[in-house]
Amino acid sequence: MQPPLGNVSSVLVFTLSGLNESMENRYVFFSLTALYYPLIVLCNVTVIYTIISHKKLHDPMYVFICNLCMNALYGTAGFYPKFMYDLLTQYHVISYAECLIQIFVIYSSVLCDISTLTVMAYDRYVAICRPLEYHSEMTNKRVTECILLCWLSPCFCMCVVIALTSRLTLCGSSIEKLYCENWSVVKLSCFSTTVNNVIGYAIIVVYFGHAVLIFYSYMHLIGKCRKSIEGRYKFIQTCVPHLLALLNVTVALLFDVLYSRYGSKHLPQDVRNFMALEFLLIPPILNPLIYGVNLTKLRKQVIKLFCRKQVGMSE
């Protein structure tokens, strides 16, 4: 049944109601965010700078880690500045255009994370299972193609999603989250959203299929690595951090998908906010820490970088 014509209007501004019950603690949240966001930036920029400035780290695996960190900066930039601004204001609103841009940035970043982890799994598979072919397989051209794929496929998917969402006529303007999220906007539609649902679920299935494929390939790698001490060391050194990063991103995205579509409104708002923010809180800080601490070559260069800075300051 179509809504009466009088209830249909052109929405120009959305209200974000995720902070409504937490305003008494907004200065505490602002202080914590003002510390946490620069820490995310520092960790990721440190890894990026270290990899770019040392030729020894220009191997495909480190290039993909660099891409992962760049993507973290891109994705968090779509959320934290606006969130910090909202914590200092009484009214939490966002324009229609800005809302669609935020959806694009945040979710293309998440999909790019999964794409990057997928090509990293392929890189580890070739390095461990076909070591003699590694340098002929993972050429500069192939690495460039993989990086482009990591960015272009998520951007294409999100362009389709945004195009489908922008065609909807909306009968509401309140989003019960801290940021704009596609499903929250689609739910405000006055009419059928079947096409949006089908495309949305198709993208979810494809990208969760990436995760299943990676886990399956690692089961195969475990079988290969058990045969030698060197293989086991290589797996623990390079593949375990990757599995932790993948598990981290997959669980965080699953939280967001399930919460957006099936989350109960009876849960306390703070719990709902954490579930919605988990993929913006944990992966951006955990990924550079996992790889920076666990990978020996990268860790040594990061330590040298900070030691040089301390020597320079003391002089």
Protein backbone atom coordinates (compact mmCIF):
# COMPACT_ATOMS: atom_id res chain seq x y z
CA MET A 1 0.00 0.00 0.00
CA GLN A 2 1.37 3.40 -0.98
CA PRO A 3 1.55 6.12 1.65
CA PRO A 4 -0.66 9.21 1.30
CA LEU A 5 0.91 11.82 -0.93
CA GLY A 6 1.08 14.31 1.94
CA ASN A 7 3.50 12.07 3.89
CA VAL A 8 6.01 11.96 1.06
CA SER A 9 8.62 14.70 0.99
CA SER A 10 12.07 15.37 -0.34
CA VAL A 11 14.51 14.70 2.53
CA LEU A 12 17.37 17.22 2.55
CA VAL A 13 18.74 16.55 6.04
CA PHE A 14 18.97 13.43 8.24
CA THR A 15 18.96 13.41 12.03
CA LEU A 16 21.45 11.02 13.67
CA SER A 17 19.89 9.87 16.96
CA GLY A 18 22.61 7.46 18.12
CA LEU A 19 23.96 9.95 20.67
CA ASN A 20 20.65 11.02 22.19
CA GLU A 21 21.00 8.89 25.34
CA SER A 22 24.72 9.55 25.80
CA MET A 23 24.89 13.34 25.70
CA GLU A 24 25.67 13.63 29.43
CA ASN A 25 28.98 11.80 28.73
CA ARG A 26 29.77 13.57 25.47
CA TYR A 27 32.88 15.34 26.77
CA VAL A 28 34.28 12.05 28.05
CA PHE A 29 33.62 10.44 24.64
CA PHE A 30 35.14 13.45 22.87
CA SER A 31 38.32 13.24 24.99
CA LEU A 32 38.68 9.51 24.36
CA THR A 33 38.07 9.95 20.62
CA ALA A 34 40.51 12.88 20.48
CA LEU A 35 43.17 10.51 21.82
CA TYR A 36 42.14 7.40 19.90
CA TYR A 37 41.77 8.81 16.38
CA PRO A 38 45.27 10.40 16.29
CA LEU A 39 46.62 7.07 17.59
CA ILE A 40 44.99 5.29 14.63
CA VAL A 41 46.52 7.85 12.27
CA LEU A 42 49.96 7.60 13.92
CA CYS A 43 50.10 3.78 13.81
CA ASN A 44 48.99 3.56 10.20
CA VAL A 45 51.14 6.45 8.95
CA THR A 46 54.17 4.94 10.72
CA VAL A 47 53.70 1.61 8.92
CA ILE A 48 53.07 3.34 5.57
CA TYR A 49 56.11 5.60 5.88
CA THR A 50 58.34 2.72 7.01
CA ILE A 51 57.34 0.53 4.06
CA ILE A 52 57.59 3.32 1.46
CA SER A 53 60.97 4.61 2.68
CA HIS A 54 62.79 1.25 2.82
CA LYS A 55 63.45 -0.66 -0.40
CA LYS A 56 63.85 -3.90 1.54
CA LEU A 57 60.13 -3.67 2.34
CA HIS A 58 58.98 -3.26 -1.26
CA ASP A 59 58.00 -6.93 -1.51
CA PRO A 60 54.37 -7.65 -2.51
CA MET A 61 53.35 -8.66 1.04
CA TYR A 62 54.50 -5.32 2.51
CA VAL A 63 52.93 -3.36 -0.37
CA PHE A 64 49.58 -4.99 0.46
CA ILE A 65 50.05 -4.17 4.17
CA CYS A 66 50.74 -0.57 3.14
CA ASN A 67 47.49 -0.59 1.14
CA LEU A 68 45.64 -1.96 4.18
CA CYS A 69 46.92 0.94 6.32
CA MET A 70 46.11 3.56 3.66
CA ASN A 71 42.60 2.17 3.48
CA ALA A 72 42.27 2.45 7.28
CA LEU A 73 43.08 6.18 7.04
CA TYR A 74 40.54 6.59 4.24
CA GLY A 75 37.74 4.75 6.05
CA THR A 76 38.21 6.34 9.48
CA ALA A 77 38.32 9.82 7.89
CA GLY A 78 34.73 9.19 6.83
CA PHE A 79 33.59 8.76 10.43
CA TYR A 80 35.76 10.25 13.21
CA PRO A 81 35.86 13.98 12.24
CA LYS A 82 32.04 14.10 11.88
CA PHE A 83 31.57 12.07 15.09
CA MET A 84 33.83 14.44 17.07
CA TYR A 85 31.94 17.43 15.69
CA ASP A 86 28.61 15.87 16.73
CA LEU A 87 29.91 15.32 20.27
CA LEU A 88 30.38 19.08 20.62
CA THR A 89 27.02 20.13 19.16
CA GLN A 90 23.47 19.87 20.45
CA TYR A 91 21.91 18.90 17.12
CA HIS A 92 23.25 15.90 15.19
CA VAL A 93 22.30 16.37 11.57
CA ILE A 94 23.86 15.52 8.23
CA SER A 95 22.80 16.61 4.75
CA TYR A 96 21.44 14.10 2.25
CA ALA A 97 24.53 14.41 -0.01
CA GLU A 98 26.97 14.16 2.92
CA CYS A 99 25.10 11.11 4.19
CA LEU A 100 25.52 9.29 0.86
CA ILE A 101 29.21 10.26 0.74
CA GLN A 102 29.73 8.91 4.27
CA ILE A 103 28.04 5.63 3.33
CA PHE A 104 30.28 5.35 0.27
CA VAL A 105 33.52 6.10 2.14
CA ILE A 106 32.90 3.89 5.18
CA TYR A 107 31.60 0.82 3.36
CA SER A 108 33.92 0.98 0.33
CA SER A 109 36.73 1.02 2.92
CA VAL A 110 35.40 -2.11 4.63
CA LEU A 111 35.04 -3.94 1.30
CA CYS A 112 38.53 -2.78 0.30
CA ASP A 113 39.84 -4.33 3.55
CA ILE A 114 38.36 -7.69 2.61
CA SER A 115 39.64 -7.43 -0.99
CA THR A 116 43.15 -6.59 0.25
CA LEU A 117 43.14 -9.52 2.67
CA THR A 118 42.04 -11.75 -0.21
CA VAL A 119 44.97 -10.78 -2.46
CA MET A 120 47.29 -11.12 0.56
CA ALA A 121 46.04 -14.70 0.97
CA TYR A 122 46.81 -15.34 -2.71
CA ASP A 123 50.28 -13.85 -2.21
CA ARG A 124 50.96 -16.14 0.79
CA TYR A 125 49.62 -19.16 -1.11
CA VAL A 126 52.07 -18.58 -3.99
CA ALA A 127 54.97 -17.82 -1.60
CA ILE A 128 54.50 -21.01 0.44
CA CYS A 129 53.08 -23.53 -2.04
CA ARG A 130 54.90 -22.41 -5.21
CA PRO A 131 58.05 -20.62 -3.96
CA LEU A 132 60.03 -21.19 -7.19
CA GLU A 133 57.32 -19.40 -9.20
CA TYR A 134 56.80 -16.56 -6.70
CA HIS A 135 58.89 -13.84 -8.36
CA SER A 136 57.62 -14.67 -11.84
CA GLU A 137 54.02 -14.77 -10.57
CA MET A 138 53.98 -11.73 -8.22
CA THR A 139 55.52 -9.19 -10.59
CA ASN A 140 55.18 -5.42 -10.16
CA LYS A 141 52.47 -5.47 -12.84
CA ARG A 142 50.51 -8.20 -11.01
CA VAL A 143 50.81 -6.37 -7.68
CA THR A 144 49.56 -3.14 -9.30
CA GLU A 145 46.61 -5.02 -10.82
CA CYS A 146 45.79 -6.51 -7.41
CA ILE A 147 45.89 -3.08 -5.72
CA LEU A 148 43.63 -1.62 -8.41
CA LEU A 149 41.22 -4.53 -7.98
CA CYS A 150 41.16 -3.93 -4.21
CA TRP A 151 39.96 -0.36 -4.75
CA LEU A 152 37.93 -0.50 -7.97
CA SER A 153 35.65 -3.45 -7.13
CA PRO A 154 34.47 -2.01 -3.74
CA CYS A 155 34.03 1.45 -5.30
CA PHE A 156 31.96 -0.04 -8.15
CA CYS A 157 29.80 -2.01 -5.69
CA MET A 158 29.20 1.06 -3.55
CA CYS A 159 28.42 3.22 -6.62
CA VAL A 160 25.66 0.73 -7.49
CA VAL A 161 24.38 0.74 -3.89
CA ILE A 162 24.40 4.55 -3.67
CA ALA A 163 22.68 4.88 -7.07
CA LEU A 164 19.90 2.52 -5.94
CA THR A 165 19.51 4.30 -2.60
CA SER A 166 19.43 7.78 -4.14
CA ARG A 167 16.44 6.86 -6.34
CA LEU A 168 14.26 6.08 -3.30
CA THR A 169 11.53 8.42 -2.09
CA LEU A 170 11.86 8.68 1.69
CA CYS A 171 9.12 9.04 4.29
CA GLY A 172 11.39 9.79 7.24
CA SER A 173 14.65 11.46 8.15
CA SER A 174 15.73 9.90 11.46
CA ILE A 175 18.69 7.48 11.47
CA GLU A 176 19.14 5.63 14.76
CA LYS A 177 22.92 5.40 14.50
CA LEU A 178 26.01 7.52 15.03
CA TYR A 179 26.69 7.71 11.29
CA CYS A 180 24.90 7.19 7.98
CA GLU A 181 24.49 3.56 7.06
CA ASN A 182 22.84 2.36 3.86
CA TRP A 183 20.25 0.02 5.35
CA SER A 184 19.12 2.71 7.81
CA VAL A 185 18.40 5.03 4.86
CA VAL A 186 16.75 2.31 2.76
CA LYS A 187 14.37 1.49 5.65
CA LEU A 188 13.01 5.05 5.42
CA SER A 189 11.71 4.41 1.89
CA CYS A 190 8.01 4.93 1.22
CA PHE A 191 7.88 2.20 -1.40
CA SER A 192 9.31 -1.24 -2.19
CA THR A 193 13.05 -1.77 -1.63
CA THR A 194 13.27 -5.26 -3.17
CA VAL A 195 15.99 -4.31 -5.67
CA ASN A 196 18.08 -2.68 -2.93
CA ASN A 197 17.69 -5.77 -0.75
CA VAL A 198 18.70 -8.19 -3.52
CA ILE A 199 21.77 -6.16 -4.54
CA GLY A 200 22.75 -5.59 -0.90
CA TYR A 201 22.55 -9.28 -0.01
CA ALA A 202 24.41 -10.21 -3.22
CA ILE A 203 27.33 -7.93 -2.24
CA ILE A 204 27.32 -9.33 1.32
CA VAL A 205 27.38 -12.92 0.02
CA VAL A 206 30.20 -12.15 -2.45
CA TYR A 207 32.42 -10.51 0.16
CA PHE A 208 31.74 -13.04 2.89
CA GLY A 209 32.51 -15.60 0.16
CA HIS A 210 35.96 -13.94 -0.04
CA ALA A 211 36.45 -14.69 3.67
CA VAL A 212 35.35 -18.33 3.28
CA LEU A 213 37.73 -18.72 0.32
CA ILE A 214 40.62 -17.31 2.37
CA PHE A 215 39.93 -19.63 5.31
CA TYR A 216 39.74 -22.60 2.92
CA SER A 217 43.07 -21.64 1.29
CA TYR A 218 44.68 -21.41 4.72
CA MET A 219 43.48 -24.89 5.62
CA HIS A 220 45.39 -26.02 2.52
CA LEU A 221 48.43 -23.97 3.57
CA ILE A 222 48.43 -25.50 7.06
CA GLY A 223 48.67 -28.96 5.47
CA LYS A 224 51.63 -27.82 3.36
CA CYS A 225 53.45 -26.05 6.20
CA ARG A 226 53.26 -28.98 8.64
CA LYS A 227 55.78 -30.90 6.51
CA SER A 228 58.79 -28.70 7.37
CA ILE A 229 60.08 -26.53 10.22
CA GLU A 230 60.79 -23.69 7.77
CA GLY A 231 57.26 -23.92 6.40
CA ARG A 232 55.75 -23.78 9.89
CA TYR A 233 57.88 -20.74 10.78
CA LYS A 234 56.89 -18.94 7.56
CA PHE A 235 53.21 -19.69 8.22
CA ILE A 236 53.34 -18.41 11.82
CA GLN A 237 55.36 -15.34 10.83
CA THR A 238 53.25 -14.15 7.88
CA CYS A 239 49.93 -16.04 7.81
CA VAL A 240 48.84 -15.93 11.46
CA PRO A 241 48.74 -12.08 11.50
CA HIS A 242 46.75 -12.22 8.27
CA LEU A 243 44.25 -14.68 9.77
CA LEU A 244 43.87 -12.48 12.86
CA ALA A 245 43.26 -9.42 10.65
CA LEU A 246 40.73 -11.33 8.54
CA LEU A 247 38.89 -12.67 11.60
CA ASN A 248 38.87 -9.17 13.06
CA VAL A 249 37.36 -7.53 9.93
CA THR A 250 34.90 -10.37 9.21
CA VAL A 251 33.48 -10.49 12.75
CA ALA A 252 33.26 -6.68 12.88
CA LEU A 253 31.40 -6.50 9.54
CA LEU A 254 29.14 -9.39 10.53
CA PHE A 255 28.27 -7.49 13.72
CA ASP A 256 27.33 -4.44 11.67
CA VAL A 257 25.28 -6.36 9.08
CA LEU A 258 23.33 -8.35 11.68
CA TYR A 259 22.81 -5.34 13.93
CA SER A 260 21.60 -3.11 11.05
CA ARG A 261 19.05 -5.64 9.82
CA TYR A 262 18.04 -7.65 12.86
CA GLY A 263 19.29 -5.66 15.89
CA SER A 264 16.89 -5.34 18.81
CA LYS A 265 15.85 -1.85 19.91
CA HIS A 266 15.52 -3.21 23.44
CA LEU A 267 19.31 -3.34 23.85
CA PRO A 268 20.87 -0.36 25.66
CA GLN A 269 21.92 2.33 23.18
CA ASP A 270 25.57 2.15 24.30
CA VAL A 271 25.64 -1.56 23.40
CA ARG A 272 23.99 -0.89 20.04
CA ASN A 273 26.48 1.90 19.32
CA PHE A 274 29.45 -0.35 20.10
CA MET A 275 28.09 -3.11 17.82
CA ALA A 276 27.66 -0.58 15.03
CA LEU A 277 31.13 0.92 15.56
CA GLU A 278 33.16 -2.24 16.10
CA PHE A 279 34.58 -2.31 12.55
CA LEU A 280 35.57 1.37 12.83
CA LEU A 281 37.14 0.93 16.27
CA ILE A 282 39.13 -2.33 16.22
CA PRO A 283 40.51 -3.14 12.71
CA PRO A 284 42.06 0.31 12.01
CA ILE A 285 44.26 0.12 15.12
CA LEU A 286 44.74 -3.65 15.32
CA ASN A 287 45.98 -4.20 11.75
CA PRO A 288 49.09 -1.96 11.94
CA LEU A 289 49.85 -3.31 15.43
CA ILE A 290 49.50 -6.96 14.33
CA TYR A 291 51.76 -6.55 11.31
CA GLY A 292 54.13 -4.01 12.88
CA VAL A 293 54.84 -6.24 15.89
CA ASN A 294 54.77 -9.69 14.31
CA LEU A 295 56.69 -9.20 11.05
CA THR A 296 60.38 -9.07 11.98
CA LYS A 297 61.63 -6.96 9.05
CA LEU A 298 58.89 -4.38 9.51
CA ARG A 299 59.27 -4.30 13.30
CA LYS A 300 63.03 -3.69 13.06
CA GLN A 301 62.58 -0.79 10.64
CA VAL A 302 59.86 0.80 12.82
CA ILE A 303 62.12 0.53 15.89
CA LYS A 304 65.01 2.08 13.91
CA LEU A 305 62.72 4.91 12.80
CA PHE A 306 61.75 5.82 16.38
CA CYS A 307 65.32 5.38 17.65
CA ARG A 308 66.59 7.82 15.00
CA LYS A 309 63.93 10.36 16.04
CA GLN A 310 64.89 10.07 19.70
CA VAL A 311 68.60 10.52 18.88
CA GLY A 312 67.77 13.56 16.75
CA MET A 313 65.70 15.12 19.55
CA SER A 314 68.43 14.51 22.17
CA GLU A 315 71.02 16.22 19.96
